[in-house]
Amino acid sequence: MIAMKILVPVKRVIDPYVKIRLSVNNNAIETEQVKMAMNPFDEIALEEAVRLKERGVATEIIVVSIGVTRCQETLRQALALGADRGILIESEQNFAPLAIAKLLHAVAQKQTVQLVLMGKQAIDDDCNQTGQMLAALLNWPQVTFVSQLSIANGTLTAERECDIGTQTLCCDLPAVVTADLCLNTPRFAKLPDIMRAKNKPLEVLTAESFALDLSSAMTQACIELTTMQRCSQMVQNVAELVDKLRADQLI
């Protein structure tokens, strides 16, 4: 079997079932004393990487996270779920997608991986940009929003949902793939795997050690919590409904 390494970026985010709140000065999301979790899309990407290894397609899974020291908890969770080793790029700064892509580009090249398998987006910022930017920096083919994935003889075949149905795409490795929600159902970590994860290698680096330009042209203007307002109106028949939709320019 040809050795194939898979790189899986994972992000530490606020648990999706926790109600977010703003900090005292209303310029950031409050993260202190808040339950954190692995980004759900990244968890799906990791599960798919583990399945590829179980099928004998991959030989090693490397997980990488960029953030504060406590991101080690997320990496240990990924190691318990089946990853072989972890890399933490430690920084207190909240990087823009392009800066994240630059760091992942450096890691992918240094680790000589053949596949980057990542979530299509993070649930905290919903940017959906890092995977595409990383593929451009690496000059690798990319398949986004993947709902089914297979690899054979150095060729990747993926299905992705689109507005008109389902697309089937093929490309040669190395490649960048971003996972959609329907790709799989992640497993739960078993207690023995959690214990073994404590002894798996976890390398800690600093963002400054990469000597990259990680500045961003974007600035954050403000953060506001939106309020949902429900507005409903009863109609007598379909014709009246169509008239109202036309009046509101919805059709």
Protein backbone atom coordinates (compact mmCIF):
# COMPACT_ATOMS: atom_id res chain seq x y z
CA MET A 1 0.00 0.00 0.00
CA ILE A 2 1.28 3.44 -0.91
CA ALA A 3 1.65 5.64 2.18
CA MET A 4 -0.87 8.46 2.18
CA LYS A 5 -1.11 11.14 4.81
CA ILE A 6 -4.30 13.07 5.45
CA LEU A 7 -4.30 16.49 7.09
CA VAL A 8 -7.49 17.42 8.95
CA PRO A 9 -7.77 20.98 10.30
CA VAL A 10 -10.06 21.22 13.35
CA LYS A 11 -11.36 24.37 15.00
CA ARG A 12 -12.44 24.98 18.58
CA VAL A 13 -15.80 26.76 18.57
CA ILE A 14 -18.63 27.43 20.97
CA ASP A 15 -20.80 24.36 21.35
CA PRO A 16 -23.62 24.65 18.77
CA TYR A 17 -26.22 23.95 21.47
CA VAL A 18 -25.07 26.83 23.67
CA LYS A 19 -26.74 30.23 23.42
CA ILE A 20 -24.05 32.79 22.65
CA ARG A 21 -23.73 36.12 24.41
CA LEU A 22 -21.67 39.25 23.87
CA SER A 23 -18.85 40.48 26.08
CA VAL A 24 -19.35 43.42 28.43
CA ASN A 25 -18.16 46.01 25.89
CA ASN A 26 -20.14 44.34 23.05
CA ASN A 27 -17.09 43.96 20.80
CA ALA A 28 -16.65 40.18 20.93
CA ILE A 29 -18.41 36.90 21.59
CA GLU A 30 -18.04 35.78 25.20
CA THR A 31 -16.02 32.56 25.41
CA GLU A 32 -15.07 32.46 29.09
CA GLN A 33 -16.98 29.86 31.11
CA VAL A 34 -18.68 28.73 27.91
CA LYS A 35 -18.81 25.13 26.72
CA MET A 36 -16.60 24.65 23.67
CA ALA A 37 -16.56 21.87 21.10
CA MET A 38 -15.00 20.78 17.83
CA ASN A 39 -16.53 22.47 14.81
CA PRO A 40 -19.20 19.99 13.58
CA PHE A 41 -18.08 20.14 9.94
CA ASP A 42 -14.49 19.39 11.01
CA GLU A 43 -15.72 16.44 13.06
CA ILE A 44 -17.35 15.04 9.91
CA ALA A 45 -14.13 15.55 7.96
CA LEU A 46 -12.18 13.73 10.68
CA GLU A 47 -14.65 10.84 10.67
CA GLU A 48 -14.23 10.47 6.91
CA ALA A 49 -10.44 10.48 7.28
CA VAL A 50 -10.66 7.74 9.90
CA ARG A 51 -12.90 5.68 7.62
CA LEU A 52 -10.39 6.06 4.78
CA LYS A 53 -7.67 4.78 7.09
CA GLU A 54 -9.83 1.87 8.23
CA ARG A 55 -10.35 0.92 4.57
CA GLY A 56 -6.60 0.91 4.04
CA VAL A 57 -6.58 4.00 1.82
CA ALA A 58 -4.64 6.19 4.26
CA THR A 59 -1.75 5.37 6.58
CA GLU A 60 -1.66 8.43 8.84
CA ILE A 61 -4.05 11.15 9.97
CA ILE A 62 -2.62 14.45 11.19
CA VAL A 63 -4.92 16.95 12.89
CA VAL A 64 -3.98 20.60 13.17
CA SER A 65 -5.60 23.44 15.07
CA ILE A 66 -4.80 27.14 15.20
CA GLY A 67 -5.68 29.05 18.34
CA VAL A 68 -5.19 29.36 22.07
CA THR A 69 -3.57 26.79 24.36
CA ARG A 70 -6.92 25.21 25.21
CA CYS A 71 -7.23 24.07 21.60
CA GLN A 72 -5.16 21.13 22.80
CA GLU A 73 -8.40 19.78 24.27
CA THR A 74 -9.95 19.74 20.79
CA LEU A 75 -6.87 18.04 19.38
CA ARG A 76 -6.94 15.39 22.11
CA GLN A 77 -10.58 14.77 21.23
CA ALA A 78 -9.57 14.32 17.58
CA LEU A 79 -6.81 11.92 18.63
CA ALA A 80 -9.34 9.92 20.63
CA LEU A 81 -11.55 9.72 17.56
CA GLY A 82 -8.81 8.12 15.48
CA ALA A 83 -6.20 10.68 14.45
CA ASP A 84 -2.56 9.62 14.85
CA ARG A 85 -0.90 12.87 15.88
CA GLY A 86 -1.74 16.51 16.40
CA ILE A 87 -0.21 19.91 15.74
CA LEU A 88 -1.23 23.07 17.57
CA ILE A 89 -0.26 26.42 16.07
CA GLU A 90 -0.63 28.53 19.17
CA SER A 91 -1.78 32.14 18.94
CA GLU A 92 -4.08 34.50 20.81
CA GLN A 93 -4.94 36.28 17.56
CA ASN A 94 -8.15 35.63 15.69
CA PHE A 95 -6.88 35.10 12.15
CA ALA A 96 -8.76 35.79 8.92
CA PRO A 97 -9.40 32.88 6.50
CA LEU A 98 -6.45 33.81 4.26
CA ALA A 99 -4.03 33.76 7.20
CA ILE A 100 -5.39 30.38 8.28
CA ALA A 101 -4.93 29.10 4.72
CA LYS A 102 -1.31 30.32 4.69
CA LEU A 103 -0.55 28.46 7.92
CA LEU A 104 -2.25 25.29 6.70
CA HIS A 105 -0.34 25.59 3.43
CA ALA A 106 2.93 25.61 5.34
CA VAL A 107 1.90 22.61 7.45
CA ALA A 108 0.66 20.61 4.44
CA GLN A 109 3.95 21.13 2.64
CA LYS A 110 6.10 20.33 5.66
CA GLN A 111 4.14 17.16 6.47
CA THR A 112 4.02 16.09 2.79
CA VAL A 113 0.34 15.17 2.93
CA GLN A 114 -1.58 13.91 -0.09
CA LEU A 115 -5.06 14.98 1.04
CA VAL A 116 -6.43 17.85 3.08
CA LEU A 117 -9.87 16.92 4.37
CA MET A 118 -11.65 19.73 6.21
CA GLY A 119 -15.08 21.04 7.10
CA LYS A 120 -16.68 23.29 4.52
CA GLN A 121 -16.97 26.11 7.08
CA ALA A 122 -16.77 26.95 10.76
CA ILE A 123 -20.05 27.57 12.55
CA ASP A 124 -18.76 30.65 14.38
CA ASP A 125 -17.97 32.85 11.37
CA ASP A 126 -19.54 30.85 8.47
CA CYS A 127 -16.88 32.22 6.10
CA ASN A 128 -16.58 29.10 3.91
CA GLN A 129 -13.32 30.41 2.43
CA THR A 130 -10.33 28.64 3.97
CA GLY A 131 -10.54 25.40 1.98
CA GLN A 132 -10.76 27.19 -1.34
CA MET A 133 -7.90 29.56 -0.47
CA LEU A 134 -5.75 26.66 0.70
CA ALA A 135 -6.28 24.79 -2.57
CA ALA A 136 -5.23 27.90 -4.51
CA LEU A 137 -2.06 28.34 -2.43
CA LEU A 138 -1.15 24.67 -2.85
CA ASN A 139 -2.18 24.70 -6.52
CA TRP A 140 -4.12 21.50 -5.89
CA PRO A 141 -7.54 20.49 -7.27
CA GLN A 142 -10.42 20.98 -4.86
CA VAL A 143 -13.88 19.52 -4.32
CA THR A 144 -16.20 21.41 -1.98
CA PHE A 145 -19.40 20.46 -0.14
CA VAL A 146 -18.67 16.75 -0.54
CA SER A 147 -21.47 14.35 0.42
CA GLN A 148 -19.78 11.12 -0.71
CA LEU A 149 -16.11 10.30 -1.13
CA SER A 150 -13.99 7.43 -2.42
CA ILE A 151 -10.31 7.08 -3.36
CA ALA A 152 -8.77 4.38 -5.55
CA ASN A 153 -5.51 4.18 -7.50
CA GLY A 154 -4.58 7.77 -6.71
CA THR A 155 -7.88 9.13 -8.02
CA LEU A 156 -10.45 10.83 -5.84
CA THR A 157 -14.15 10.54 -6.72
CA ALA A 158 -16.63 12.72 -4.88
CA GLU A 159 -20.28 13.58 -5.01
CA ARG A 160 -21.58 17.00 -4.07
CA GLU A 161 -25.07 18.39 -3.90
CA CYS A 162 -25.88 21.42 -6.04
CA ASP A 163 -28.96 23.41 -7.01
CA ILE A 164 -29.85 21.12 -9.91
CA GLY A 165 -29.12 17.80 -8.22
CA THR A 166 -25.89 15.91 -7.55
CA GLN A 167 -22.52 16.33 -9.23
CA THR A 168 -19.91 13.58 -9.47
CA LEU A 169 -16.36 14.89 -9.78
CA CYS A 170 -13.01 13.14 -10.15
CA CYS A 171 -9.50 14.47 -9.64
CA ASP A 172 -5.99 13.22 -9.02
CA LEU A 173 -4.31 13.42 -5.65
CA PRO A 174 -3.07 15.51 -3.93
CA ALA A 175 -6.28 17.47 -3.39
CA VAL A 176 -8.29 19.56 -0.96
CA VAL A 177 -11.76 18.36 0.04
CA THR A 178 -14.33 20.16 2.18
CA ALA A 179 -17.00 18.09 3.89
CA ASP A 180 -20.74 18.72 3.99
CA LEU A 181 -23.05 17.61 6.79
CA CYS A 182 -24.43 14.60 4.91
CA LEU A 183 -21.02 13.03 4.27
CA ASN A 184 -21.26 10.79 7.35
CA THR A 185 -22.29 10.52 10.99
CA PRO A 186 -19.32 10.97 13.35
CA ARG A 187 -18.64 8.30 15.96
CA PHE A 188 -18.30 8.78 19.70
CA ALA A 189 -14.92 8.33 21.34
CA LYS A 190 -14.65 5.26 23.56
CA LEU A 191 -13.02 5.44 26.98
CA PRO A 192 -9.98 3.32 26.00
CA ASP A 193 -9.44 5.57 22.97
CA ILE A 194 -9.65 8.66 25.17
CA MET A 195 -7.00 7.20 27.48
CA ARG A 196 -4.73 6.25 24.57
CA ALA A 197 -5.09 9.75 23.09
CA LYS A 198 -3.22 11.19 26.08
CA ASN A 199 -0.07 9.42 24.90
CA LYS A 200 -0.32 10.29 21.23
CA PRO A 201 2.14 12.95 19.99
CA LEU A 202 0.97 16.56 20.01
CA GLU A 203 3.39 19.17 18.69
CA VAL A 204 2.98 22.80 19.77
CA LEU A 205 4.25 25.56 17.48
CA THR A 206 3.74 29.30 17.38
CA ALA A 207 2.24 31.26 14.51
CA GLU A 208 5.26 33.58 14.58
CA SER A 209 7.64 30.68 13.90
CA PHE A 210 6.27 30.36 10.35
CA ALA A 211 7.52 33.83 9.35
CA LEU A 212 4.42 34.51 7.25
CA ASP A 213 2.47 37.68 6.59
CA LEU A 214 -0.68 36.91 8.58
CA SER A 215 -2.10 40.42 8.54
CA SER A 216 -5.64 40.98 7.31
CA ALA A 217 -7.21 43.70 5.21
CA MET A 218 -10.51 43.10 6.98
CA THR A 219 -11.58 44.93 10.12
CA GLN A 220 -14.48 44.10 12.39
CA ALA A 221 -16.92 46.98 12.60
CA CYS A 222 -19.23 45.64 15.31
CA ILE A 223 -21.02 42.59 16.65
CA GLU A 224 -24.75 42.60 17.25
CA LEU A 225 -27.21 39.95 18.31
CA THR A 226 -30.14 39.76 15.93
CA THR A 227 -33.72 39.40 17.06
CA MET A 228 -36.11 37.10 15.29
CA GLN A 229 -39.57 38.49 14.59
CA ARG A 230 -42.31 36.20 13.45
CA CYS A 231 -44.93 37.73 11.22
CA SER A 232 -47.80 35.58 10.02
CA GLN A 233 -51.04 36.31 8.23
CA MET A 234 -53.89 33.98 7.37
CA VAL A 235 -55.20 33.83 3.82
CA GLN A 236 -58.39 32.24 2.56
CA ASN A 237 -57.09 30.53 -0.56
CA VAL A 238 -54.13 30.06 -2.89
CA ALA A 239 -55.14 32.95 -5.15
CA GLU A 240 -55.02 35.38 -2.22
CA LEU A 241 -51.64 33.96 -1.19
CA VAL A 242 -50.23 34.50 -4.68
CA ASP A 243 -51.55 38.08 -4.74
CA LYS A 244 -49.86 38.88 -1.43
CA LEU A 245 -46.57 37.32 -2.52
CA ARG A 246 -46.65 39.39 -5.70
CA ALA A 247 -47.47 42.54 -3.73
CA ASP A 248 -44.45 41.93 -1.51
CA GLN A 249 -42.34 41.17 -4.60
CA LEU A 250 -41.52 37.70 -3.31
CA ILE A 251 -42.44 36.06 -6.63
